[in-house]
Amino acid sequence: MTVRIGDSLWGLSAARLGPYASDVDIALDWPRLYQANRDVIGDNPHLLRPGQVLRVPPVS
């Protein structure tokens, strides 16, 4: 997935989990998305840059 302006890990996780995902589901998922892409994102999970290409780990 490619990061667009305004994207966040929370929002990306919510979108990939779907409309029935709870806040708890999303809270558990976004750190997995971050860990899978830490080399791309860097040390601050709240700072995504448009154009970054993120790997999507399987949903657990």
PDB file of N, CA and C in Angstrom:
ATOM      1  N   MET A   1       0.844  -1.167   0.000  1.00  0.00           N
ATOM      2  CA  MET A   1       0.000   0.000   0.000  1.00  0.00           C
ATOM      3  C   MET A   1       0.892   1.233   0.000  1.00  0.00           C
ATOM      4  N   THR A   2       0.448   2.255  -0.684  1.00  0.00           N
ATOM      5  CA  THR A   2       1.206   3.496  -0.775  1.00  0.00           C
ATOM      6  C   THR A   2       0.546   4.553   0.106  1.00  0.00           C
ATOM      7  N   VAL A   3       1.350   5.201   0.926  1.00  0.00           N
ATOM      8  CA  VAL A   3       0.862   6.232   1.840  1.00  0.00           C
ATOM      9  C   VAL A   3       0.448   7.466   1.043  1.00  0.00           C
ATOM     10  N   ARG A   4      -0.714   8.005   1.395  1.00  0.00           N
ATOM     11  CA  ARG A   4      -1.210   9.248   0.799  1.00  0.00           C
ATOM     12  C   ARG A   4      -1.295  10.328   1.872  1.00  0.00           C
ATOM     13  N   ILE A   5      -1.407  11.557   1.466  1.00  0.00           N
ATOM     14  CA  ILE A   5      -1.538  12.672   2.399  1.00  0.00           C
ATOM     15  C   ILE A   5      -2.698  12.397   3.342  1.00  0.00           C
ATOM     16  N   GLY A   6      -2.465  12.577   4.637  1.00  0.00           N
ATOM     17  CA  GLY A   6      -3.502  12.396   5.634  1.00  0.00           C
ATOM     18  C   GLY A   6      -3.601  10.988   6.200  1.00  0.00           C
ATOM     19  N   ASP A   7      -2.850  10.038   5.629  1.00  0.00           N
ATOM     20  CA  ASP A   7      -2.894   8.670   6.137  1.00  0.00           C
ATOM     21  C   ASP A   7      -2.228   8.567   7.500  1.00  0.00           C
ATOM     22  N   SER A   8      -2.717   7.622   8.284  1.00  0.00           N
ATOM     23  CA  SER A   8      -2.102   7.277   9.569  1.00  0.00           C
ATOM     24  C   SER A   8      -2.115   5.766   9.674  1.00  0.00           C
ATOM     25  N   LEU A   9      -1.291   5.237  10.547  1.00  0.00           N
ATOM     26  CA  LEU A   9      -1.293   3.785  10.738  1.00  0.00           C
ATOM     27  C   LEU A   9      -2.650   3.319  11.263  1.00  0.00           C
ATOM     28  N   TRP A  10      -3.251   4.116  12.141  1.00  0.00           N
ATOM     29  CA  TRP A  10      -4.584   3.773  12.655  1.00  0.00           C
ATOM     30  C   TRP A  10      -5.580   3.677  11.494  1.00  0.00           C
ATOM     31  N   GLY A  11      -5.601   4.693  10.652  1.00  0.00           N
ATOM     32  CA  GLY A  11      -6.531   4.728   9.531  1.00  0.00           C
ATOM     33  C   GLY A  11      -6.282   3.611   8.530  1.00  0.00           C
ATOM     34  N   LEU A  12      -5.016   3.336   8.247  1.00  0.00           N
ATOM     35  CA  LEU A  12      -4.689   2.255   7.323  1.00  0.00           C
ATOM     36  C   LEU A  12      -5.102   0.905   7.895  1.00  0.00           C
ATOM     37  N   SER A  13      -4.884   0.721   9.188  1.00  0.00           N
ATOM     38  CA  SER A  13      -5.301  -0.523   9.842  1.00  0.00           C
ATOM     39  C   SER A  13      -6.820  -0.650   9.829  1.00  0.00           C
ATOM     40  N   ALA A  14      -7.512   0.418  10.126  1.00  0.00           N
ATOM     41  CA  ALA A  14      -8.978   0.390  10.118  1.00  0.00           C
ATOM     42  C   ALA A  14      -9.495   0.019   8.730  1.00  0.00           C
ATOM     43  N   ALA A  15      -8.899   0.580   7.695  1.00  0.00           N
ATOM     44  CA  ALA A  15      -9.340   0.299   6.329  1.00  0.00           C
ATOM     45  C   ALA A  15      -9.085  -1.157   5.956  1.00  0.00           C
ATOM     46  N   ARG A  16      -7.948  -1.690   6.343  1.00  0.00           N
ATOM     47  CA  ARG A  16      -7.648  -3.069   5.953  1.00  0.00           C
ATOM     48  C   ARG A  16      -8.437  -4.077   6.759  1.00  0.00           C
ATOM     49  N   LEU A  17      -8.837  -3.726   7.986  1.00  0.00           N
ATOM     50  CA  LEU A  17      -9.616  -4.650   8.810  1.00  0.00           C
ATOM     51  C   LEU A  17     -11.102  -4.623   8.467  1.00  0.00           C
ATOM     52  N   GLY A  18     -11.556  -3.527   7.899  1.00  0.00           N
ATOM     53  CA  GLY A  18     -12.941  -3.455   7.453  1.00  0.00           C
ATOM     54  C   GLY A  18     -13.865  -2.768   8.433  1.00  0.00           C
ATOM     55  N   PRO A  19     -15.113  -2.587   8.010  1.00  0.00           N
ATOM     56  CA  PRO A  19     -16.060  -1.777   8.775  1.00  0.00           C
ATOM     57  C   PRO A  19     -16.498  -2.386  10.104  1.00  0.00           C
ATOM     58  N   TYR A  20     -16.290  -3.668  10.287  1.00  0.00           N
ATOM     59  CA  TYR A  20     -16.727  -4.312  11.534  1.00  0.00           C
ATOM     60  C   TYR A  20     -15.617  -4.391  12.579  1.00  0.00           C
ATOM     61  N   ALA A  21     -14.445  -3.835  12.260  1.00  0.00           N
ATOM     62  CA  ALA A  21     -13.328  -3.845  13.211  1.00  0.00           C
ATOM     63  C   ALA A  21     -13.624  -2.892  14.368  1.00  0.00           C
ATOM     64  N   SER A  22     -13.360  -3.361  15.559  1.00  0.00           N
ATOM     65  CA  SER A  22     -13.553  -2.509  16.741  1.00  0.00           C
ATOM     66  C   SER A  22     -12.298  -1.670  16.963  1.00  0.00           C
ATOM     67  N   ASP A  23     -12.416  -0.690  17.856  1.00  0.00           N
ATOM     68  CA  ASP A  23     -11.243   0.111  18.215  1.00  0.00           C
ATOM     69  C   ASP A  23     -10.151  -0.779  18.802  1.00  0.00           C
ATOM     70  N   VAL A  24     -10.542  -1.804  19.535  1.00  0.00           N
ATOM     71  CA  VAL A  24      -9.555  -2.739  20.108  1.00  0.00           C
ATOM     72  C   VAL A  24      -8.843  -3.487  18.991  1.00  0.00           C
ATOM     73  N   ASP A  25      -9.580  -3.953  17.987  1.00  0.00           N
ATOM     74  CA  ASP A  25      -8.964  -4.643  16.845  1.00  0.00           C
ATOM     75  C   ASP A  25      -7.925  -3.754  16.173  1.00  0.00           C
ATOM     76  N   ILE A  26      -8.295  -2.506  15.957  1.00  0.00           N
ATOM     77  CA  ILE A  26      -7.392  -1.564  15.283  1.00  0.00           C
ATOM     78  C   ILE A  26      -6.196  -1.256  16.166  1.00  0.00           C
ATOM     79  N   ALA A  27      -6.437  -1.080  17.461  1.00  0.00           N
ATOM     80  CA  ALA A  27      -5.340  -0.788  18.400  1.00  0.00           C
ATOM     81  C   ALA A  27      -4.337  -1.927  18.462  1.00  0.00           C
ATOM     82  N   LEU A  28      -4.789  -3.135  18.255  1.00  0.00           N
ATOM     83  CA  LEU A  28      -3.880  -4.286  18.246  1.00  0.00           C
ATOM     84  C   LEU A  28      -3.180  -4.449  16.900  1.00  0.00           C
ATOM     85  N   ASP A  29      -3.805  -3.979  15.834  1.00  0.00           N
ATOM     86  CA  ASP A  29      -3.257  -4.182  14.487  1.00  0.00           C
ATOM     87  C   ASP A  29      -2.229  -3.140  14.071  1.00  0.00           C
ATOM     88  N   TRP A  30      -2.465  -1.860  14.388  1.00  0.00           N
ATOM     89  CA  TRP A  30      -1.563  -0.841  13.830  1.00  0.00           C
ATOM     90  C   TRP A  30      -0.109  -1.018  14.268  1.00  0.00           C
ATOM     91  N   PRO A  31       0.175  -1.486  15.496  1.00  0.00           N
ATOM     92  CA  PRO A  31       1.590  -1.712  15.827  1.00  0.00           C
ATOM     93  C   PRO A  31       2.228  -2.817  14.979  1.00  0.00           C
ATOM     94  N   ARG A  32       1.437  -3.807  14.572  1.00  0.00           N
ATOM     95  CA  ARG A  32       1.962  -4.853  13.689  1.00  0.00           C
ATOM     96  C   ARG A  32       2.316  -4.260  12.326  1.00  0.00           C
ATOM     97  N   LEU A  33       1.462  -3.365  11.839  1.00  0.00           N
ATOM     98  CA  LEU A  33       1.732  -2.692  10.571  1.00  0.00           C
ATOM     99  C   LEU A  33       3.001  -1.853  10.689  1.00  0.00           C
ATOM    100  N   TYR A  34       3.146  -1.178  11.821  1.00  0.00           N
ATOM    101  CA  TYR A  34       4.357  -0.383  12.049  1.00  0.00           C
ATOM    102  C   TYR A  34       5.601  -1.267  12.095  1.00  0.00           C
ATOM    103  N   GLN A  35       5.558  -2.348  12.862  1.00  0.00           N
ATOM    104  CA  GLN A  35       6.725  -3.229  12.984  1.00  0.00           C
ATOM    105  C   GLN A  35       7.130  -3.813  11.636  1.00  0.00           C
ATOM    106  N   ALA A  36       6.160  -4.131  10.804  1.00  0.00           N
ATOM    107  CA  ALA A  36       6.462  -4.687   9.480  1.00  0.00           C
ATOM    108  C   ALA A  36       7.100  -3.654   8.558  1.00  0.00           C
ATOM    109  N   ASN A  37       6.983  -2.370   8.922  1.00  0.00           N
ATOM    110  CA  ASN A  37       7.463  -1.297   8.049  1.00  0.00           C
ATOM    111  C   ASN A  37       8.366  -0.295   8.753  1.00  0.00           C
ATOM    112  N   ARG A  38       8.873  -0.661   9.898  1.00  0.00           N
ATOM    113  CA  ARG A  38       9.703   0.269  10.666  1.00  0.00           C
ATOM    114  C   ARG A  38      10.904   0.767   9.863  1.00  0.00           C
ATOM    115  N   ASP A  39      11.454  -0.092   9.021  1.00  0.00           N
ATOM    116  CA  ASP A  39      12.594   0.320   8.203  1.00  0.00           C
ATOM    117  C   ASP A  39      12.216   1.407   7.204  1.00  0.00           C
ATOM    118  N   VAL A  40      10.960   1.460   6.792  1.00  0.00           N
ATOM    119  CA  VAL A  40      10.482   2.480   5.854  1.00  0.00           C
ATOM    120  C   VAL A  40      10.021   3.729   6.606  1.00  0.00           C
ATOM    121  N   ILE A  41       9.282   3.521   7.703  1.00  0.00           N
ATOM    122  CA  ILE A  41       8.676   4.633   8.437  1.00  0.00           C
ATOM    123  C   ILE A  41       9.683   5.367   9.317  1.00  0.00           C
ATOM    124  N   GLY A  42      10.583   4.624   9.955  1.00  0.00           N
ATOM    125  CA  GLY A  42      11.536   5.221  10.880  1.00  0.00           C
ATOM    126  C   GLY A  42      11.070   5.042  12.318  1.00  0.00           C
ATOM    127  N   ASP A  43      11.670   5.791  13.224  1.00  0.00           N
ATOM    128  CA  ASP A  43      11.419   5.624  14.656  1.00  0.00           C
ATOM    129  C   ASP A  43      10.104   6.216  15.151  1.00  0.00           C
ATOM    130  N   ASN A  44       9.468   7.069  14.357  1.00  0.00           N
ATOM    131  CA  ASN A  44       8.233   7.722  14.794  1.00  0.00           C
ATOM    132  C   ASN A  44       7.045   7.151  14.017  1.00  0.00           C
ATOM    133  N   PRO A  45       6.236   6.293  14.653  1.00  0.00           N
ATOM    134  CA  PRO A  45       5.114   5.683  13.928  1.00  0.00           C
ATOM    135  C   PRO A  45       4.021   6.671  13.550  1.00  0.00           C
ATOM    136  N   HIS A  46       4.083   7.883  14.065  1.00  0.00           N
ATOM    137  CA  HIS A  46       3.071   8.891  13.772  1.00  0.00           C
ATOM    138  C   HIS A  46       3.456   9.787  12.593  1.00  0.00           C
ATOM    139  N   LEU A  47       4.633   9.524  12.012  1.00  0.00           N
ATOM    140  CA  LEU A  47       5.113  10.363  10.918  1.00  0.00           C
ATOM    141  C   LEU A  47       5.222   9.532   9.640  1.00  0.00           C
ATOM    142  N   LEU A  48       4.127   9.507   8.896  1.00  0.00           N
ATOM    143  CA  LEU A  48       4.131   8.847   7.589  1.00  0.00           C
ATOM    144  C   LEU A  48       4.327   9.907   6.524  1.00  0.00           C
ATOM    145  N   ARG A  49       5.020   9.529   5.477  1.00  0.00           N
ATOM    146  CA  ARG A  49       5.266  10.463   4.375  1.00  0.00           C
ATOM    147  C   ARG A  49       4.570   9.956   3.122  1.00  0.00           C
ATOM    148  N   PRO A  50       3.854  10.831   2.430  1.00  0.00           N
ATOM    149  CA  PRO A  50       3.212  10.417   1.177  1.00  0.00           C
ATOM    150  C   PRO A  50       4.242   9.796   0.234  1.00  0.00           C
ATOM    151  N   GLY A  51       3.839   8.710  -0.395  1.00  0.00           N
ATOM    152  CA  GLY A  51       4.714   8.018  -1.330  1.00  0.00           C
ATOM    153  C   GLY A  51       5.421   6.812  -0.735  1.00  0.00           C
ATOM    154  N   GLN A  52       5.463   6.721   0.594  1.00  0.00           N
ATOM    155  CA  GLN A  52       6.075   5.540   1.199  1.00  0.00           C
ATOM    156  C   GLN A  52       5.258   4.311   0.806  1.00  0.00           C
ATOM    157  N   VAL A  53       5.948   3.238   0.489  1.00  0.00           N
ATOM    158  CA  VAL A  53       5.277   1.987   0.132  1.00  0.00           C
ATOM    159  C   VAL A  53       5.431   1.037   1.309  1.00  0.00           C
ATOM    160  N   LEU A  54       4.288   0.641   1.880  1.00  0.00           N
ATOM    161  CA  LEU A  54       4.286  -0.194   3.072  1.00  0.00           C
ATOM    162  C   LEU A  54       3.912  -1.630   2.731  1.00  0.00           C
ATOM    163  N   ARG A  55       4.572  -2.556   3.410  1.00  0.00           N
ATOM    164  CA  ARG A  55       4.213  -3.971   3.318  1.00  0.00           C
ATOM    165  C   ARG A  55       3.027  -4.211   4.228  1.00  0.00           C
ATOM    166  N   VAL A  56       2.138  -5.060   3.827  1.00  0.00           N
ATOM    167  CA  VAL A  56       0.937  -5.344   4.608  1.00  0.00           C
ATOM    168  C   VAL A  56       1.049  -6.749   5.184  1.00  0.00           C
ATOM    169  N   PRO A  57       1.229  -6.860   6.507  1.00  0.00           N
ATOM    170  CA  PRO A  57       1.308  -8.198   7.101  1.00  0.00           C
ATOM    171  C   PRO A  57      -0.072  -8.854   7.079  1.00  0.00           C
ATOM    172  N   PRO A  58      -0.106 -10.178   7.149  1.00  0.00           N
ATOM    173  CA  PRO A  58      -1.416 -10.845   7.172  1.00  0.00           C
ATOM    174  C   PRO A  58      -2.204 -10.445   8.411  1.00  0.00           C
ATOM    175  N   VAL A  59      -3.495 -10.385   8.276  1.00  0.00           N
ATOM    176  CA  VAL A  59      -4.371 -10.066   9.395  1.00  0.00           C
ATOM    177  C   VAL A  59      -4.432 -11.294  10.294  1.00  0.00           C
ATOM    178  N   SER A  60      -4.235 -11.078  11.607  1.00  0.00           N
ATOM    179  CA  SER A  60      -4.269 -12.237  12.509  1.00  0.00           C
ATOM    180  C   SER A  60      -5.645 -12.398  13.110  1.00  0.00           C
TER     181      SER A  60
END
